[in-house]
Amino acid sequence: MRKSRVAPGLPRVGEGKRGEEGHVGYLLRQAAGAHRLRMERTLAEVEVTPPQFSVMTMLAAYPGHSNADLARLALLTPQTVTVIVANLERTGAVSRHAHAVHGRIQHLELTESGHALLRKCRALVHDLEDSLTRGLAENETQTIRRWLARVATGTVE
């Protein structure tokens, strides 16, 4: 892991307010940024970005949906998903077809090569995901998952 450079007198990641003394919201953002950077570096091996991975993951889980639906699921803007889908379509990872009733709505699906690419990405990300919970008991991991889902839905009380 790389050491971050900080100006003299400022805390490194994991120290002071950037560590266990920090605000939970800040620490959550700091952790998300660090995880995203690790994902970027890991997925670079197969020339896929984390947003592309997210779109492919959601498309595999919920096939046949529109760009707007994917944007909501992948936590991206519709404009970003439009660019991602165009790039994935150009590489042959995604195909689109018109909705049976509403011809202007385009349904998206992963192609065979898209599923193969997603399997490669998942294999790379699997080790990264495992490292997040290494050393935790299954019930601790489940508690973290539950808490994160509650934070996202606004039901933390």
C-alpha atoms as a PDB file:
ATOM      1  CA  MET A   1       0.000   0.000   0.000  1.00  0.00           C
ATOM      2  CA  ARG A   2       1.268   3.469  -0.844  1.00  0.00           C
ATOM      3  CA  LYS A   3       1.888   5.996   1.886  1.00  0.00           C
ATOM      4  CA  SER A   4       0.139   9.280   1.319  1.00  0.00           C
ATOM      5  CA  ARG A   5       2.173  12.446   1.469  1.00  0.00           C
ATOM      6  CA  VAL A   6       0.896  15.031   3.901  1.00  0.00           C
ATOM      7  CA  ALA A   7       2.204  18.388   4.936  1.00  0.00           C
ATOM      8  CA  PRO A   8       4.107  18.502   8.227  1.00  0.00           C
ATOM      9  CA  GLY A   9       1.715  18.726  11.174  1.00  0.00           C
ATOM     10  CA  LEU A  10      -1.211  17.133   9.357  1.00  0.00           C
ATOM     11  CA  PRO A  11      -2.366  13.626  10.252  1.00  0.00           C
ATOM     12  CA  ARG A  12      -1.884  10.674   7.928  1.00  0.00           C
ATOM     13  CA  VAL A  13      -4.790   8.414   7.032  1.00  0.00           C
ATOM     14  CA  GLY A  14      -5.710   6.488  10.166  1.00  0.00           C
ATOM     15  CA  GLU A  15      -4.401   9.160  12.550  1.00  0.00           C
ATOM     16  CA  GLY A  16      -6.211  11.869  14.516  1.00  0.00           C
ATOM     17  CA  LYS A  17      -9.428  13.027  12.879  1.00  0.00           C
ATOM     18  CA  ARG A  18      -8.509  10.822   9.900  1.00  0.00           C
ATOM     19  CA  GLY A  19      -8.556   7.814  12.257  1.00  0.00           C
ATOM     20  CA  GLU A  20     -10.660   6.526  15.107  1.00  0.00           C
ATOM     21  CA  GLU A  21     -11.135  10.074  16.472  1.00  0.00           C
ATOM     22  CA  GLY A  22     -12.782  11.195  13.226  1.00  0.00           C
ATOM     23  CA  HIS A  23     -16.406  11.843  12.391  1.00  0.00           C
ATOM     24  CA  VAL A  24     -18.117   8.715  11.056  1.00  0.00           C
ATOM     25  CA  GLY A  25     -19.327  10.479   7.902  1.00  0.00           C
ATOM     26  CA  TYR A  26     -15.815  11.667   7.094  1.00  0.00           C
ATOM     27  CA  LEU A  27     -14.356   8.219   7.773  1.00  0.00           C
ATOM     28  CA  LEU A  28     -16.996   6.637   5.531  1.00  0.00           C
ATOM     29  CA  ARG A  29     -16.091   9.032   2.709  1.00  0.00           C
ATOM     30  CA  GLN A  30     -12.360   8.466   3.267  1.00  0.00           C
ATOM     31  CA  ALA A  31     -12.844   4.684   3.179  1.00  0.00           C
ATOM     32  CA  ALA A  32     -15.000   4.878   0.040  1.00  0.00           C
ATOM     33  CA  GLY A  33     -12.342   6.939  -1.719  1.00  0.00           C
ATOM     34  CA  ALA A  34      -9.585   4.520  -0.735  1.00  0.00           C
ATOM     35  CA  HIS A  35     -11.668   1.530  -1.869  1.00  0.00           C
ATOM     36  CA  ARG A  36     -12.457   3.176  -5.196  1.00  0.00           C
ATOM     37  CA  LEU A  37      -8.765   3.867  -5.825  1.00  0.00           C
ATOM     38  CA  ARG A  38      -7.923   0.221  -5.096  1.00  0.00           C
ATOM     39  CA  MET A  39     -10.706  -0.882  -7.453  1.00  0.00           C
ATOM     40  CA  GLU A  40      -9.423   1.443 -10.196  1.00  0.00           C
ATOM     41  CA  ARG A  41      -5.938  -0.032  -9.914  1.00  0.00           C
ATOM     42  CA  THR A  42      -7.246  -3.614  -9.783  1.00  0.00           C
ATOM     43  CA  LEU A  43      -9.684  -3.294 -12.699  1.00  0.00           C
ATOM     44  CA  ALA A  44      -7.082  -1.489 -14.820  1.00  0.00           C
ATOM     45  CA  GLU A  45      -5.655  -4.973 -15.483  1.00  0.00           C
ATOM     46  CA  VAL A  46      -8.670  -5.676 -17.721  1.00  0.00           C
ATOM     47  CA  GLU A  47      -9.127  -2.059 -18.867  1.00  0.00           C
ATOM     48  CA  VAL A  48     -12.412  -1.591 -16.999  1.00  0.00           C
ATOM     49  CA  THR A  49     -13.294   1.330 -14.734  1.00  0.00           C
ATOM     50  CA  PRO A  50     -15.242   0.968 -11.474  1.00  0.00           C
ATOM     51  CA  PRO A  51     -18.297   2.700 -13.015  1.00  0.00           C
ATOM     52  CA  GLN A  52     -18.175   0.282 -15.975  1.00  0.00           C
ATOM     53  CA  PHE A  53     -17.920  -2.626 -13.541  1.00  0.00           C
ATOM     54  CA  SER A  54     -20.897  -1.275 -11.604  1.00  0.00           C
ATOM     55  CA  VAL A  55     -23.012  -0.908 -14.752  1.00  0.00           C
ATOM     56  CA  MET A  56     -22.123  -4.420 -15.946  1.00  0.00           C
ATOM     57  CA  THR A  57     -22.842  -5.853 -12.479  1.00  0.00           C
ATOM     58  CA  MET A  58     -26.267  -4.213 -12.317  1.00  0.00           C
ATOM     59  CA  LEU A  59     -27.049  -5.145 -15.920  1.00  0.00           C
ATOM     60  CA  ALA A  60     -26.226  -8.790 -15.172  1.00  0.00           C
ATOM     61  CA  ALA A  61     -28.374  -8.721 -12.020  1.00  0.00           C
ATOM     62  CA  TYR A  62     -31.278  -6.805 -13.600  1.00  0.00           C
ATOM     63  CA  PRO A  63     -31.183  -7.396 -17.383  1.00  0.00           C
ATOM     64  CA  GLY A  64     -33.367  -5.610 -19.882  1.00  0.00           C
ATOM     65  CA  HIS A  65     -33.519  -2.231 -18.176  1.00  0.00           C
ATOM     66  CA  SER A  66     -32.919   1.232 -19.592  1.00  0.00           C
ATOM     67  CA  ASN A  67     -29.986   3.609 -19.124  1.00  0.00           C
ATOM     68  CA  ALA A  68     -32.047   5.601 -16.610  1.00  0.00           C
ATOM     69  CA  ASP A  69     -32.750   2.477 -14.546  1.00  0.00           C
ATOM     70  CA  LEU A  70     -29.067   1.506 -14.629  1.00  0.00           C
ATOM     71  CA  ALA A  71     -28.042   5.002 -13.568  1.00  0.00           C
ATOM     72  CA  ARG A  72     -30.197   4.749 -10.447  1.00  0.00           C
ATOM     73  CA  LEU A  73     -28.915   1.258  -9.622  1.00  0.00           C
ATOM     74  CA  ALA A  74     -25.239   2.061 -10.262  1.00  0.00           C
ATOM     75  CA  LEU A  75     -25.383   5.423  -8.429  1.00  0.00           C
ATOM     76  CA  LEU A  76     -24.316   7.287 -11.557  1.00  0.00           C
ATOM     77  CA  THR A  77     -25.836  10.069 -13.625  1.00  0.00           C
ATOM     78  CA  PRO A  78     -27.838   9.135 -16.725  1.00  0.00           C
ATOM     79  CA  GLN A  79     -25.290  11.033 -18.835  1.00  0.00           C
ATOM     80  CA  THR A  80     -22.420   8.977 -17.414  1.00  0.00           C
ATOM     81  CA  VAL A  81     -24.285   5.721 -17.996  1.00  0.00           C
ATOM     82  CA  THR A  82     -25.007   6.763 -21.598  1.00  0.00           C
ATOM     83  CA  VAL A  83     -21.265   7.162 -22.221  1.00  0.00           C
ATOM     84  CA  ILE A  84     -20.414   3.921 -20.380  1.00  0.00           C
ATOM     85  CA  VAL A  85     -23.031   1.927 -22.280  1.00  0.00           C
ATOM     86  CA  ALA A  86     -21.854   3.370 -25.619  1.00  0.00           C
ATOM     87  CA  ASN A  87     -18.279   2.336 -24.798  1.00  0.00           C
ATOM     88  CA  LEU A  88     -19.346  -1.143 -23.652  1.00  0.00           C
ATOM     89  CA  GLU A  89     -21.506  -1.514 -26.741  1.00  0.00           C
ATOM     90  CA  ARG A  90     -18.566  -0.514 -28.951  1.00  0.00           C
ATOM     91  CA  THR A  91     -16.439  -3.262 -27.364  1.00  0.00           C
ATOM     92  CA  GLY A  92     -19.236  -5.797 -27.820  1.00  0.00           C
ATOM     93  CA  ALA A  93     -19.911  -6.251 -24.095  1.00  0.00           C
ATOM     94  CA  VAL A  94     -23.449  -4.820 -24.244  1.00  0.00           C
ATOM     95  CA  SER A  95     -26.273  -5.038 -26.763  1.00  0.00           C
ATOM     96  CA  ARG A  96     -29.458  -3.023 -26.916  1.00  0.00           C
ATOM     97  CA  HIS A  97     -32.883  -3.604 -28.368  1.00  0.00           C
ATOM     98  CA  ALA A  98     -36.043  -1.524 -28.519  1.00  0.00           C
ATOM     99  CA  HIS A  99     -38.780  -1.974 -25.933  1.00  0.00           C
ATOM    100  CA  ALA A 100     -41.684  -4.029 -27.327  1.00  0.00           C
ATOM    101  CA  VAL A 101     -44.264  -1.321 -26.583  1.00  0.00           C
ATOM    102  CA  HIS A 102     -42.283   1.896 -26.155  1.00  0.00           C
ATOM    103  CA  GLY A 103     -39.887   1.844 -29.106  1.00  0.00           C
ATOM    104  CA  ARG A 104     -37.895   4.845 -27.880  1.00  0.00           C
ATOM    105  CA  ILE A 105     -36.894   2.987 -24.703  1.00  0.00           C
ATOM    106  CA  GLN A 106     -33.794   0.884 -25.258  1.00  0.00           C
ATOM    107  CA  HIS A 107     -33.355  -2.276 -23.198  1.00  0.00           C
ATOM    108  CA  LEU A 108     -29.789  -3.323 -22.480  1.00  0.00           C
ATOM    109  CA  GLU A 109     -28.207  -6.737 -21.970  1.00  0.00           C
ATOM    110  CA  LEU A 110     -24.723  -8.098 -21.492  1.00  0.00           C
ATOM    111  CA  THR A 111     -23.493 -10.141 -24.429  1.00  0.00           C
ATOM    112  CA  GLU A 112     -21.551 -13.380 -24.024  1.00  0.00           C
ATOM    113  CA  SER A 113     -18.304 -11.412 -24.181  1.00  0.00           C
ATOM    114  CA  GLY A 114     -19.757  -8.969 -21.639  1.00  0.00           C
ATOM    115  CA  HIS A 115     -20.509 -11.815 -19.235  1.00  0.00           C
ATOM    116  CA  ALA A 116     -16.956 -13.151 -19.749  1.00  0.00           C
ATOM    117  CA  LEU A 117     -15.492  -9.711 -19.025  1.00  0.00           C
ATOM    118  CA  LEU A 118     -17.667  -9.371 -15.936  1.00  0.00           C
ATOM    119  CA  ARG A 119     -16.437 -12.762 -14.669  1.00  0.00           C
ATOM    120  CA  LYS A 120     -12.822 -11.549 -15.033  1.00  0.00           C
ATOM    121  CA  CYS A 121     -13.666  -8.335 -13.190  1.00  0.00           C
ATOM    122  CA  ARG A 122     -15.458 -10.206 -10.411  1.00  0.00           C
ATOM    123  CA  ALA A 123     -12.458 -12.493  -9.923  1.00  0.00           C
ATOM    124  CA  LEU A 124     -10.196  -9.463  -9.531  1.00  0.00           C
ATOM    125  CA  VAL A 125     -12.577  -7.589  -7.249  1.00  0.00           C
ATOM    126  CA  HIS A 126     -13.363 -10.688  -5.161  1.00  0.00           C
ATOM    127  CA  ASP A 127      -9.921 -10.613  -3.515  1.00  0.00           C
ATOM    128  CA  LEU A 128     -10.250  -6.893  -2.893  1.00  0.00           C
ATOM    129  CA  GLU A 129     -13.691  -7.367  -1.326  1.00  0.00           C
ATOM    130  CA  ASP A 130     -12.398 -10.228   0.832  1.00  0.00           C
ATOM    131  CA  SER A 131      -9.613  -8.002   2.140  1.00  0.00           C
ATOM    132  CA  LEU A 132     -12.239  -5.559   3.464  1.00  0.00           C
ATOM    133  CA  THR A 133     -13.636  -8.114   5.889  1.00  0.00           C
ATOM    134  CA  ARG A 134     -10.564 -10.259   6.537  1.00  0.00           C
ATOM    135  CA  GLY A 135     -10.313 -10.930  10.243  1.00  0.00           C
ATOM    136  CA  LEU A 136     -13.986 -10.235  10.908  1.00  0.00           C
ATOM    137  CA  ALA A 137     -16.477 -12.857  11.994  1.00  0.00           C
ATOM    138  CA  GLU A 138     -19.434 -13.483   9.675  1.00  0.00           C
ATOM    139  CA  ASN A 139     -21.836 -11.816  12.115  1.00  0.00           C
ATOM    140  CA  GLU A 140     -19.592  -8.719  12.201  1.00  0.00           C
ATOM    141  CA  THR A 141     -19.575  -8.558   8.417  1.00  0.00           C
ATOM    142  CA  GLN A 142     -23.364  -8.898   8.366  1.00  0.00           C
ATOM    143  CA  THR A 143     -23.677  -6.112  10.941  1.00  0.00           C
ATOM    144  CA  ILE A 144     -21.551  -3.830   8.745  1.00  0.00           C
ATOM    145  CA  ARG A 145     -23.622  -4.699   5.649  1.00  0.00           C
ATOM    146  CA  ARG A 146     -26.860  -4.029   7.547  1.00  0.00           C
ATOM    147  CA  TRP A 147     -25.529  -0.713   8.885  1.00  0.00           C
ATOM    148  CA  LEU A 148     -24.344   0.448   5.466  1.00  0.00           C
ATOM    149  CA  ALA A 149     -27.720  -0.432   3.919  1.00  0.00           C
ATOM    150  CA  ARG A 150     -29.473   1.482   6.712  1.00  0.00           C
ATOM    151  CA  VAL A 151     -27.209   4.490   6.161  1.00  0.00           C
ATOM    152  CA  ALA A 152     -28.088   4.412   2.448  1.00  0.00           C
ATOM    153  CA  THR A 153     -31.841   4.163   3.081  1.00  0.00           C
ATOM    154  CA  GLY A 154     -31.836   6.754   5.847  1.00  0.00           C
ATOM    155  CA  THR A 155     -33.201   4.337   8.420  1.00  0.00           C
ATOM    156  CA  VAL A 156     -30.334   4.628  10.909  1.00  0.00           C
ATOM    157  CA  GLU A 157     -31.761   5.878  14.171  1.00  0.00           C
END
